Protein backbone atom coordinates (compact mmCIF):
# COMPACT_ATOMS: atom_id res chain seq x y z
CA MET A 1 -9.17 29.28 12.37
CA ALA A 2 -7.68 28.80 8.92
CA VAL A 3 -9.24 28.61 5.46
CA TYR A 4 -8.19 26.16 2.77
CA ILE A 5 -9.20 26.51 -0.87
CA TYR A 6 -8.72 24.03 -3.66
CA VAL A 7 -9.90 23.51 -7.22
CA VAL A 8 -12.61 20.89 -7.70
CA ALA A 9 -11.89 19.13 -10.99
CA ARG A 10 -14.88 16.73 -10.81
CA ASP A 11 -18.07 16.99 -8.77
CA PHE A 12 -19.60 13.51 -8.51
CA GLY A 13 -20.19 13.41 -4.76
CA PHE A 14 -17.06 11.37 -4.03
CA ALA A 15 -14.63 14.04 -2.83
CA PRO A 16 -16.10 15.66 -0.93
CA ASN A 17 -18.78 13.12 -0.04
CA PRO A 18 -21.82 15.02 1.30
CA PHE A 19 -24.12 12.05 1.88
CA HIS A 20 -25.62 10.54 5.04
CA GLY A 21 -25.66 13.80 7.00
CA VAL A 22 -21.89 14.30 7.16
CA CYS A 23 -19.63 15.82 4.54
CA THR A 24 -16.34 13.92 4.38
CA LEU A 25 -13.07 14.52 2.61
CA ALA A 26 -11.34 11.14 2.68
CA THR A 27 -9.54 11.06 -0.66
CA CYS A 28 -7.45 13.39 -2.82
CA LYS A 29 -6.09 16.64 -1.43
CA PRO A 30 -3.60 15.08 1.03
CA ILE A 31 -2.10 18.46 1.99
CA VAL A 32 -5.49 19.95 2.91
CA ARG A 33 -6.39 16.79 4.84
CA ARG A 34 -3.05 16.94 6.71
CA MET A 35 -3.18 20.65 7.54
CA ALA A 36 -6.83 21.44 8.31
CA LYS A 37 -7.89 21.35 11.95
CA VAL A 38 -11.23 21.34 13.73
CA ASP A 39 -13.05 24.67 13.14
CA ASP A 40 -11.06 25.41 9.95
CA TRP A 41 -12.99 25.89 6.71
CA VAL A 42 -12.38 24.10 3.41
CA PHE A 43 -13.77 25.65 0.23
CA GLY A 44 -13.88 23.86 -3.10
CA MET A 45 -13.83 26.17 -6.10
CA GLY A 46 -14.81 25.06 -9.60
CA GLY A 47 -12.10 24.70 -12.20
CA GLY A 48 -11.94 24.70 -15.98
CA LYS A 49 -12.53 20.94 -16.34
CA LEU A 50 -15.74 21.32 -14.36
CA GLY A 51 -16.79 24.36 -16.37
CA ALA A 52 -17.25 26.35 -13.18
CA VAL A 53 -14.22 28.63 -12.97
CA SER A 54 -14.30 30.83 -9.86
CA ARG A 55 -17.61 29.36 -8.63
CA CYS A 56 -17.81 27.97 -5.10
CA ILE A 57 -18.86 24.29 -5.23
CA PHE A 58 -18.85 23.53 -1.51
CA ALA A 59 -17.85 24.83 1.90
CA MET A 60 -17.28 22.67 4.96
CA GLN A 61 -16.23 23.58 8.46
CA VAL A 62 -14.14 20.75 9.90
CA THR A 63 -15.90 19.36 12.97
CA GLU A 64 -13.77 16.22 13.39
CA ALA A 65 -10.69 14.52 11.92
CA VAL A 66 -9.96 10.79 12.14
CA SER A 67 -7.53 8.23 10.70
CA PHE A 68 -8.61 5.91 7.90
CA ASP A 69 -8.84 2.96 10.31
CA GLU A 70 -11.00 4.99 12.71
CA TYR A 71 -13.24 6.04 9.82
CA TRP A 72 -13.45 2.43 8.61
CA ALA A 73 -14.37 1.02 12.04
CA ASP A 74 -16.81 3.75 13.12
CA THR A 75 -20.40 2.53 12.71
CA ARG A 76 -21.53 6.12 12.04
CA PHE A 77 -19.87 5.82 8.63
CA LYS A 78 -20.80 2.28 7.55
CA ASP A 79 -23.12 3.76 4.90
CA LYS A 80 -20.16 5.61 3.38
CA LYS A 81 -18.58 2.29 2.31
CA PRO A 82 -19.27 1.96 -1.42
CA VAL A 83 -21.79 -0.45 -2.87
CA ARG A 84 -20.82 -0.61 -6.54
CA ASN A 85 -24.22 -1.87 -7.72
CA GLY A 86 -26.19 0.44 -5.42
CA SER A 87 -27.69 3.88 -5.83
CA ARG A 88 -25.51 6.82 -6.91
CA THR A 89 -25.14 7.79 -3.26
CA MET A 90 -24.00 4.28 -2.30
CA MET A 91 -21.68 3.84 -5.31
CA LEU A 92 -19.78 7.00 -4.41
CA GLY A 93 -18.95 6.02 -0.83
CA ASP A 94 -15.53 7.31 0.22
CA ASN A 95 -14.92 4.99 3.22
CA ILE A 96 -12.61 2.84 1.11
CA TYR A 97 -9.32 2.44 3.00
CA HIS A 98 -8.15 0.43 5.96
CA GLN A 99 -4.89 -1.23 6.91
CA SER A 100 -4.20 -4.93 7.29
CA ASN A 101 -1.05 -7.00 7.75
CA ASP A 102 -0.65 -6.72 3.97
CA GLY A 103 -0.72 -2.90 4.01
CA TRP A 104 -3.39 -0.57 2.70
CA GLN A 105 -6.60 -2.16 1.47
CA GLN A 106 -8.81 -0.33 -1.03
CA LEU A 107 -12.44 -1.28 -1.65
CA ASP A 108 -13.86 -1.42 -5.17
CA SER A 109 -14.76 2.24 -5.50
CA HIS A 110 -14.57 5.38 -7.57
CA HIS A 111 -10.80 5.37 -6.84
CA SER A 112 -10.09 1.78 -7.87
CA ARG A 113 -9.42 0.59 -11.41
CA PRO A 114 -12.39 0.06 -13.76
CA ASP A 115 -12.16 -3.70 -13.17
CA GLY A 116 -12.48 -3.14 -9.40
CA LEU A 117 -8.85 -3.91 -8.58
CA PRO A 118 -6.89 -1.47 -6.40
CA ASP A 119 -5.39 1.58 -8.12
CA ILE A 120 -1.85 1.90 -6.76
CA HIS A 121 -1.54 5.58 -7.78
CA ASN A 122 -4.73 6.58 -5.92
CA ILE A 123 -3.77 4.49 -2.89
CA LYS A 124 -0.41 6.24 -2.69
CA THR A 125 -1.92 9.73 -3.05
CA ASP A 126 -4.90 9.18 -0.76
CA THR A 127 -3.07 7.38 2.05
CA GLY A 128 -0.12 9.79 1.91
CA THR A 129 -2.07 11.57 4.64
CA ASN A 130 -3.76 9.15 7.03
CA ARG A 131 -6.55 11.56 7.84
CA VAL A 132 -10.21 12.04 6.98
CA LEU A 133 -11.91 15.40 7.49
CA LEU A 134 -15.53 15.32 8.70
CA SER A 135 -18.06 18.12 8.76
CA GLU A 136 -21.52 18.40 10.22
CA HIS A 137 -21.57 22.03 9.09
CA PHE A 138 -21.36 22.23 5.31
CA LEU A 139 -22.95 23.75 2.23
CA LEU A 140 -23.08 22.52 -1.35
CA PHE A 141 -23.68 24.90 -4.21
CA ARG A 142 -24.86 23.12 -7.34
CA GLU A 143 -26.71 24.31 -10.40
CA GLY A 144 -30.02 22.59 -10.99
CA GLY A 145 -30.41 21.50 -7.36
CA ALA A 146 -33.19 22.58 -5.04
CA GLY A 147 -32.45 26.28 -5.16
CA GLY A 148 -28.86 25.40 -6.01
CA LEU A 149 -28.06 24.91 -2.35
CA GLU A 150 -27.96 21.79 -0.23
CA GLY A 151 -26.34 21.24 3.11
CA ARG A 152 -26.51 21.00 6.82
CA SER A 153 -25.58 23.63 9.35
């Protein structure tokens, strides 16, 4: 088992995405997504931009890893596809990539441009590792939440 730690610059619920009973890391952090294996732990630590230096934001034990196309096609994760005019949970869906004959497709999401068009920079970074980390064993540590702790174990 290995442990991976990275700085969380923004904590909106997009990366990681803790909604619908599974915590997923499908965007950003391509090196962590490439290296982490089942049973490894990923810890997100707060950074200066978040105003949470040295504070643990989340911990997830990897329980599964899939490709973007597997994530896209798996009915377990249909609710993680973003609905831009939906609730906060639905707007922040991270199931945004799949491949077609034209290459990578990106849904209108937190990682697309403000006008909803694909963001080439985010596509390149996110799809640089064709891997999504999934966790059914995770904890979120947030100020102001129910006891500051949410999660599933």
